[in-house]
Amino acid sequence: MEKLAVQIGKLGSSLGALAGVIELSIGTKILSWIGNKENPFVLGLVTVILSMFALFSIVSVGRRVSINNDRKLAIFLGVFLPAAICFTTVGRL
């Protein structure tokens, strides 16, 4: 089960990075898809950075080291906060 959760996390953070790259590159042409944001370049860049941060958190779970409660909380926040923020930056995309 843990292996599946890590794979889903990797997929989700990769899709977030892809959405950020799309917003970076063609965001001005698809304004209705990104929620008519004023500056899609900056928001796309923020989305890519946050998605990579979430990916780093997920990859750290895959390493076989002992995980105490503090580390579990850090990993949870390292995935949840970027995901919550990225939902507001990419709109429908």
C-alpha atoms as a PDB file:
ATOM      1  CA  MET A   1       0.000   0.000   0.000  1.00  0.00           C
ATOM      2  CA  GLU A   2       2.823   2.398   0.834  1.00  0.00           C
ATOM      3  CA  LYS A   3       4.430   1.765  -2.561  1.00  0.00           C
ATOM      4  CA  LEU A   4       1.170   2.609  -4.323  1.00  0.00           C
ATOM      5  CA  ALA A   5       0.790   5.832  -2.322  1.00  0.00           C
ATOM      6  CA  VAL A   6       4.327   6.892  -3.275  1.00  0.00           C
ATOM      7  CA  GLN A   7       3.624   6.172  -6.955  1.00  0.00           C
ATOM      8  CA  ILE A   8       0.375   8.171  -6.841  1.00  0.00           C
ATOM      9  CA  GLY A   9       2.199  11.031  -5.129  1.00  0.00           C
ATOM     10  CA  LYS A  10       4.909  11.023  -7.791  1.00  0.00           C
ATOM     11  CA  LEU A  11       2.281  11.028 -10.527  1.00  0.00           C
ATOM     12  CA  GLY A  12       0.330  13.859  -8.900  1.00  0.00           C
ATOM     13  CA  SER A  13       3.347  16.076  -8.384  1.00  0.00           C
ATOM     14  CA  SER A  14       4.515  15.384 -11.946  1.00  0.00           C
ATOM     15  CA  LEU A  15       1.097  16.368 -13.299  1.00  0.00           C
ATOM     16  CA  GLY A  16       1.262  19.544 -11.202  1.00  0.00           C
ATOM     17  CA  ALA A  17       4.636  20.395 -12.701  1.00  0.00           C
ATOM     18  CA  LEU A  18       3.264  19.716 -16.196  1.00  0.00           C
ATOM     19  CA  ALA A  19       0.308  22.035 -15.534  1.00  0.00           C
ATOM     20  CA  GLY A  20       2.774  24.700 -14.373  1.00  0.00           C
ATOM     21  CA  VAL A  21       4.875  24.314 -17.509  1.00  0.00           C
ATOM     22  CA  ILE A  22       1.769  24.600 -19.681  1.00  0.00           C
ATOM     23  CA  GLU A  23       0.737  27.721 -17.794  1.00  0.00           C
ATOM     24  CA  LEU A  24       4.251  29.122 -18.192  1.00  0.00           C
ATOM     25  CA  SER A  25       4.422  28.500 -21.906  1.00  0.00           C
ATOM     26  CA  ILE A  26       0.928  29.126 -23.298  1.00  0.00           C
ATOM     27  CA  GLY A  27      -0.937  30.597 -20.328  1.00  0.00           C
ATOM     28  CA  THR A  28      -1.722  33.881 -22.080  1.00  0.00           C
ATOM     29  CA  LYS A  29      -3.472  31.972 -24.887  1.00  0.00           C
ATOM     30  CA  ILE A  30      -5.676  29.873 -22.595  1.00  0.00           C
ATOM     31  CA  LEU A  31      -6.769  32.468 -20.037  1.00  0.00           C
ATOM     32  CA  SER A  32     -10.224  30.933 -19.572  1.00  0.00           C
ATOM     33  CA  TRP A  33      -8.600  27.589 -18.626  1.00  0.00           C
ATOM     34  CA  ILE A  34      -6.346  29.147 -15.998  1.00  0.00           C
ATOM     35  CA  GLY A  35      -9.023  31.298 -14.409  1.00  0.00           C
ATOM     36  CA  ASN A  36      -8.181  34.547 -16.258  1.00  0.00           C
ATOM     37  CA  LYS A  37      -5.098  35.091 -14.118  1.00  0.00           C
ATOM     38  CA  GLU A  38      -3.205  38.367 -14.681  1.00  0.00           C
ATOM     39  CA  ASN A  39       0.294  36.923 -14.766  1.00  0.00           C
ATOM     40  CA  PRO A  40       0.314  33.287 -15.876  1.00  0.00           C
ATOM     41  CA  PHE A  41       4.115  33.192 -16.184  1.00  0.00           C
ATOM     42  CA  VAL A  42       4.728  33.877 -12.482  1.00  0.00           C
ATOM     43  CA  LEU A  43       1.909  31.599 -11.355  1.00  0.00           C
ATOM     44  CA  GLY A  44       3.153  28.840 -13.653  1.00  0.00           C
ATOM     45  CA  LEU A  45       6.634  29.210 -12.197  1.00  0.00           C
ATOM     46  CA  VAL A  46       5.246  29.048  -8.656  1.00  0.00           C
ATOM     47  CA  THR A  47       3.263  25.935  -9.602  1.00  0.00           C
ATOM     48  CA  VAL A  48       6.352  24.198 -10.992  1.00  0.00           C
ATOM     49  CA  ILE A  49       8.426  25.067  -7.900  1.00  0.00           C
ATOM     50  CA  LEU A  50       5.727  23.895  -5.486  1.00  0.00           C
ATOM     51  CA  SER A  51       5.179  20.689  -7.452  1.00  0.00           C
ATOM     52  CA  MET A  52       8.893  19.933  -7.310  1.00  0.00           C
ATOM     53  CA  PHE A  53       8.815  20.563  -3.548  1.00  0.00           C
ATOM     54  CA  ALA A  54       5.953  18.069  -3.241  1.00  0.00           C
ATOM     55  CA  LEU A  55       7.879  15.575  -5.380  1.00  0.00           C
ATOM     56  CA  PHE A  56      10.901  15.960  -3.107  1.00  0.00           C
ATOM     57  CA  SER A  57       8.678  15.222  -0.097  1.00  0.00           C
ATOM     58  CA  ILE A  58       7.257  12.127  -1.779  1.00  0.00           C
ATOM     59  CA  VAL A  59      10.685  10.856  -2.797  1.00  0.00           C
ATOM     60  CA  SER A  60      11.882  11.232   0.783  1.00  0.00           C
ATOM     61  CA  VAL A  61       9.145   8.797   1.834  1.00  0.00           C
ATOM     62  CA  GLY A  62      10.449   6.210  -0.614  1.00  0.00           C
ATOM     63  CA  ARG A  63      13.809   6.070   1.134  1.00  0.00           C
ATOM     64  CA  ARG A  64      13.872   3.336   3.719  1.00  0.00           C
ATOM     65  CA  VAL A  65      14.776   5.299   6.834  1.00  0.00           C
ATOM     66  CA  SER A  66      12.857   5.320  10.064  1.00  0.00           C
ATOM     67  CA  ILE A  67      10.021   7.817   9.975  1.00  0.00           C
ATOM     68  CA  ASN A  68       9.071   9.384  13.283  1.00  0.00           C
ATOM     69  CA  ASN A  69       5.950  11.489  13.838  1.00  0.00           C
ATOM     70  CA  ASP A  70       7.713  14.805  13.206  1.00  0.00           C
ATOM     71  CA  ARG A  71       8.942  13.567   9.860  1.00  0.00           C
ATOM     72  CA  LYS A  72       5.481  12.230   8.974  1.00  0.00           C
ATOM     73  CA  LEU A  73       4.017  15.667   9.677  1.00  0.00           C
ATOM     74  CA  ALA A  74       6.708  17.370   7.575  1.00  0.00           C
ATOM     75  CA  ILE A  75       6.050  15.007   4.672  1.00  0.00           C
ATOM     76  CA  PHE A  76       2.291  15.542   4.950  1.00  0.00           C
ATOM     77  CA  LEU A  77       2.664  19.320   4.952  1.00  0.00           C
ATOM     78  CA  GLY A  78       5.254  19.107   2.172  1.00  0.00           C
ATOM     79  CA  VAL A  79       2.657  17.474  -0.047  1.00  0.00           C
ATOM     80  CA  PHE A  80      -0.617  18.981   1.182  1.00  0.00           C
ATOM     81  CA  LEU A  81       0.351  22.664   1.206  1.00  0.00           C
ATOM     82  CA  PRO A  82       1.798  22.758  -2.327  1.00  0.00           C
ATOM     83  CA  ALA A  83      -1.210  20.803  -3.606  1.00  0.00           C
ATOM     84  CA  ALA A  84      -3.658  23.213  -1.959  1.00  0.00           C
ATOM     85  CA  ILE A  85      -1.824  26.253  -3.307  1.00  0.00           C
ATOM     86  CA  CYS A  86      -1.418  24.799  -6.795  1.00  0.00           C
ATOM     87  CA  PHE A  87      -5.162  24.200  -7.053  1.00  0.00           C
ATOM     88  CA  THR A  88      -5.622  27.976  -6.868  1.00  0.00           C
ATOM     89  CA  THR A  89      -2.876  28.843  -9.367  1.00  0.00           C
ATOM     90  CA  VAL A  90      -3.775  26.705 -12.377  1.00  0.00           C
ATOM     91  CA  GLY A  91      -7.552  27.121 -12.490  1.00  0.00           C
ATOM     92  CA  ARG A  92      -9.391  24.544 -14.585  1.00  0.00           C
ATOM     93  CA  LEU A  93      -6.143  23.366 -16.180  1.00  0.00           C
END
